[in-house]
Amino acid sequence: MAAILVVEDEDNIAVALDFLLTRDGHQHERLATGAGAVEKIRETQPDLVLLDVMLPDVSGYQIVQDLRADPALKDVLVLMMTARGSVVERRKGLALGADGFIAKPFELSELRSEMARLLDGR
């Protein structure tokens, strides 16, 4: 079981993630905006952050950049999620320090296997 922070503004996706994470026995919380995400991660030290790229206030790219710039948070695993799953987006996310990248809409099995890959690699 892992502690997971979901940073996702779309309710329908957050509901699907809640269902998956609950069923798999993970502890999880959700933030609907990027504001305060870095502070929340610092406070809770989750095992994994599921981070949407397109957030209403602070982009997921900015958040991952801030995490990697902070020595206390540089090892937090980040799986970025975006509806614009182009190669360029993926490259940008990974270059900024994301550990994984998944395009929306995704199959729950695809998300589950990507989460397992990251968490098992710890």
C-alpha atoms as a PDB file:
ATOM      1  CA  MET A   1       0.000   0.000   0.000  1.00  0.00           C
ATOM      2  CA  ALA A   2       1.271   3.443  -0.929  1.00  0.00           C
ATOM      3  CA  ALA A   3       0.400   6.990   0.096  1.00  0.00           C
ATOM      4  CA  ILE A   4      -0.631   8.810  -3.065  1.00  0.00           C
ATOM      5  CA  LEU A   5      -1.458  12.449  -3.712  1.00  0.00           C
ATOM      6  CA  VAL A   6      -3.689  13.113  -6.718  1.00  0.00           C
ATOM      7  CA  VAL A   7      -3.439  16.612  -8.202  1.00  0.00           C
ATOM      8  CA  GLU A   8      -6.272  16.664 -10.753  1.00  0.00           C
ATOM      9  CA  ASP A   9      -8.879  19.333 -11.524  1.00  0.00           C
ATOM     10  CA  GLU A  10     -11.298  17.188 -13.550  1.00  0.00           C
ATOM     11  CA  ASP A  11     -13.832  15.551 -11.244  1.00  0.00           C
ATOM     12  CA  ASN A  12     -14.624  12.616 -13.542  1.00  0.00           C
ATOM     13  CA  ILE A  13     -10.955  11.608 -13.692  1.00  0.00           C
ATOM     14  CA  ALA A  14     -10.532  12.156  -9.953  1.00  0.00           C
ATOM     15  CA  VAL A  15     -13.519   9.861  -9.302  1.00  0.00           C
ATOM     16  CA  ALA A  16     -12.016   7.121 -11.496  1.00  0.00           C
ATOM     17  CA  LEU A  17      -8.666   7.489  -9.720  1.00  0.00           C
ATOM     18  CA  ASP A  18     -10.388   7.400  -6.324  1.00  0.00           C
ATOM     19  CA  PHE A  19     -12.116   4.150  -7.295  1.00  0.00           C
ATOM     20  CA  LEU A  20      -8.872   2.549  -8.519  1.00  0.00           C
ATOM     21  CA  LEU A  21      -6.745   3.667  -5.575  1.00  0.00           C
ATOM     22  CA  THR A  22      -9.354   2.653  -3.001  1.00  0.00           C
ATOM     23  CA  ARG A  23      -9.827  -0.750  -4.633  1.00  0.00           C
ATOM     24  CA  ASP A  24      -6.060  -1.306  -4.658  1.00  0.00           C
ATOM     25  CA  GLY A  25      -5.816  -0.381  -0.973  1.00  0.00           C
ATOM     26  CA  HIS A  26      -3.787   2.815  -1.332  1.00  0.00           C
ATOM     27  CA  GLN A  27      -4.136   5.780   0.998  1.00  0.00           C
ATOM     28  CA  HIS A  28      -4.821   8.861  -1.097  1.00  0.00           C
ATOM     29  CA  GLU A  29      -5.808  12.494  -1.048  1.00  0.00           C
ATOM     30  CA  ARG A  30      -6.789  14.843  -3.837  1.00  0.00           C
ATOM     31  CA  LEU A  31      -6.017  18.454  -4.607  1.00  0.00           C
ATOM     32  CA  ALA A  32      -8.189  19.990  -7.338  1.00  0.00           C
ATOM     33  CA  THR A  33      -5.712  22.771  -8.135  1.00  0.00           C
ATOM     34  CA  GLY A  34      -1.963  23.143  -8.365  1.00  0.00           C
ATOM     35  CA  ALA A  35      -1.903  25.932  -5.787  1.00  0.00           C
ATOM     36  CA  GLY A  36      -0.390  24.624  -2.579  1.00  0.00           C
ATOM     37  CA  ALA A  37       0.616  21.282  -4.137  1.00  0.00           C
ATOM     38  CA  VAL A  38       4.319  21.629  -3.302  1.00  0.00           C
ATOM     39  CA  GLU A  39       3.488  22.583   0.294  1.00  0.00           C
ATOM     40  CA  LYS A  40       1.085  19.632   0.577  1.00  0.00           C
ATOM     41  CA  ILE A  41       3.757  17.259  -0.758  1.00  0.00           C
ATOM     42  CA  ARG A  42       6.286  18.662   1.722  1.00  0.00           C
ATOM     43  CA  GLU A  43       3.795  18.197   4.562  1.00  0.00           C
ATOM     44  CA  THR A  44       2.578  14.680   3.686  1.00  0.00           C
ATOM     45  CA  GLN A  45       5.629  13.147   1.915  1.00  0.00           C
ATOM     46  CA  PRO A  46       3.545  10.863  -0.360  1.00  0.00           C
ATOM     47  CA  ASP A  47       5.118   7.831  -2.045  1.00  0.00           C
ATOM     48  CA  LEU A  48       3.730   8.926  -5.398  1.00  0.00           C
ATOM     49  CA  VAL A  49       2.114  12.038  -6.878  1.00  0.00           C
ATOM     50  CA  LEU A  50      -0.343  11.621  -9.771  1.00  0.00           C
ATOM     51  CA  LEU A  51       0.027  15.050 -11.343  1.00  0.00           C
ATOM     52  CA  ASP A  52      -2.134  16.557 -14.063  1.00  0.00           C
ATOM     53  CA  VAL A  53      -0.236  18.806 -16.471  1.00  0.00           C
ATOM     54  CA  MET A  54      -3.133  21.182 -17.208  1.00  0.00           C
ATOM     55  CA  LEU A  55      -4.242  22.701 -13.904  1.00  0.00           C
ATOM     56  CA  PRO A  56      -6.212  25.945 -13.503  1.00  0.00           C
ATOM     57  CA  ASP A  57      -3.559  27.938 -11.661  1.00  0.00           C
ATOM     58  CA  VAL A  58      -0.075  26.382 -11.609  1.00  0.00           C
ATOM     59  CA  SER A  59       0.933  23.939 -14.340  1.00  0.00           C
ATOM     60  CA  GLY A  60       2.038  20.430 -13.494  1.00  0.00           C
ATOM     61  CA  TYR A  61       5.345  21.236 -15.194  1.00  0.00           C
ATOM     62  CA  GLN A  62       5.966  24.071 -12.721  1.00  0.00           C
ATOM     63  CA  ILE A  63       5.119  21.788  -9.795  1.00  0.00           C
ATOM     64  CA  VAL A  64       7.504  19.022 -10.879  1.00  0.00           C
ATOM     65  CA  GLN A  65      10.213  21.626 -11.471  1.00  0.00           C
ATOM     66  CA  ASP A  66       9.706  23.021  -7.955  1.00  0.00           C
ATOM     67  CA  LEU A  67       9.843  19.512  -6.463  1.00  0.00           C
ATOM     68  CA  ARG A  68      13.095  18.658  -8.209  1.00  0.00           C
ATOM     69  CA  ALA A  69      14.642  21.973  -7.108  1.00  0.00           C
ATOM     70  CA  ASP A  70      13.959  21.155  -3.432  1.00  0.00           C
ATOM     71  CA  PRO A  71      16.492  18.699  -1.953  1.00  0.00           C
ATOM     72  CA  ALA A  72      13.907  17.438   0.564  1.00  0.00           C
ATOM     73  CA  LEU A  73      11.407  16.598  -2.206  1.00  0.00           C
ATOM     74  CA  LYS A  74      13.623  15.572  -5.114  1.00  0.00           C
ATOM     75  CA  ASP A  75      13.005  11.846  -4.527  1.00  0.00           C
ATOM     76  CA  VAL A  76       9.183  12.026  -4.486  1.00  0.00           C
ATOM     77  CA  LEU A  77       7.884   9.920  -7.386  1.00  0.00           C
ATOM     78  CA  VAL A  78       5.819  11.866  -9.917  1.00  0.00           C
ATOM     79  CA  LEU A  79       3.588  10.351 -12.593  1.00  0.00           C
ATOM     80  CA  MET A  80       2.354  13.088 -14.910  1.00  0.00           C
ATOM     81  CA  MET A  81      -1.016  12.804 -16.643  1.00  0.00           C
ATOM     82  CA  THR A  82      -2.071  14.840 -19.659  1.00  0.00           C
ATOM     83  CA  ALA A  83      -4.794  14.926 -22.271  1.00  0.00           C
ATOM     84  CA  ARG A  84      -2.157  16.167 -24.700  1.00  0.00           C
ATOM     85  CA  GLY A  85      -0.049  13.034 -24.784  1.00  0.00           C
ATOM     86  CA  SER A  86       2.313  14.101 -27.545  1.00  0.00           C
ATOM     87  CA  VAL A  87       5.950  13.084 -27.674  1.00  0.00           C
ATOM     88  CA  VAL A  88       6.927  16.715 -27.028  1.00  0.00           C
ATOM     89  CA  GLU A  89       4.785  16.883 -23.870  1.00  0.00           C
ATOM     90  CA  ARG A  90       6.213  13.594 -22.655  1.00  0.00           C
ATOM     91  CA  ARG A  91       9.792  14.686 -23.316  1.00  0.00           C
ATOM     92  CA  LYS A  92       9.217  17.988 -21.521  1.00  0.00           C
ATOM     93  CA  GLY A  93       7.724  16.281 -18.444  1.00  0.00           C
ATOM     94  CA  LEU A  94      10.514  13.730 -18.208  1.00  0.00           C
ATOM     95  CA  ALA A  95      13.181  16.389 -18.837  1.00  0.00           C
ATOM     96  CA  LEU A  96      11.798  18.424 -15.927  1.00  0.00           C
ATOM     97  CA  GLY A  97      12.087  15.405 -13.654  1.00  0.00           C
ATOM     98  CA  ALA A  98       8.842  13.411 -13.858  1.00  0.00           C
ATOM     99  CA  ASP A  99       9.348   9.685 -13.254  1.00  0.00           C
ATOM    100  CA  GLY A 100       6.603   8.643 -15.645  1.00  0.00           C
ATOM    101  CA  PHE A 101       4.052  10.031 -18.068  1.00  0.00           C
ATOM    102  CA  ILE A 102       0.610   8.765 -19.049  1.00  0.00           C
ATOM    103  CA  ALA A 103      -1.797  10.156 -21.648  1.00  0.00           C
ATOM    104  CA  LYS A 104      -5.471  10.709 -20.802  1.00  0.00           C
ATOM    105  CA  PRO A 105      -7.826   9.066 -21.287  1.00  0.00           C
ATOM    106  CA  PHE A 106      -6.000   6.028 -19.968  1.00  0.00           C
ATOM    107  CA  GLU A 107      -7.090   2.513 -19.202  1.00  0.00           C
ATOM    108  CA  LEU A 108      -7.068   1.826 -15.462  1.00  0.00           C
ATOM    109  CA  SER A 109      -4.910  -1.242 -16.135  1.00  0.00           C
ATOM    110  CA  GLU A 110      -2.365   0.962 -17.920  1.00  0.00           C
ATOM    111  CA  LEU A 111      -2.283   3.383 -14.986  1.00  0.00           C
ATOM    112  CA  ARG A 112      -2.033   0.539 -12.493  1.00  0.00           C
ATOM    113  CA  SER A 113       0.945  -1.010 -14.282  1.00  0.00           C
ATOM    114  CA  GLU A 114       2.741   2.346 -14.569  1.00  0.00           C
ATOM    115  CA  MET A 115       2.176   3.016 -10.848  1.00  0.00           C
ATOM    116  CA  ALA A 116       3.477  -0.464 -10.004  1.00  0.00           C
ATOM    117  CA  ARG A 117       6.571   0.097 -12.161  1.00  0.00           C
ATOM    118  CA  LEU A 118       7.387   3.290 -10.266  1.00  0.00           C
ATOM    119  CA  LEU A 119       6.534   2.055  -6.773  1.00  0.00           C
ATOM    120  CA  ASP A 120       8.287  -1.299  -7.212  1.00  0.00           C
ATOM    121  CA  GLY A 121      11.431   0.471  -8.312  1.00  0.00           C
ATOM    122  CA  ARG A 122      11.828   2.171  -4.931  1.00  0.00           C
END
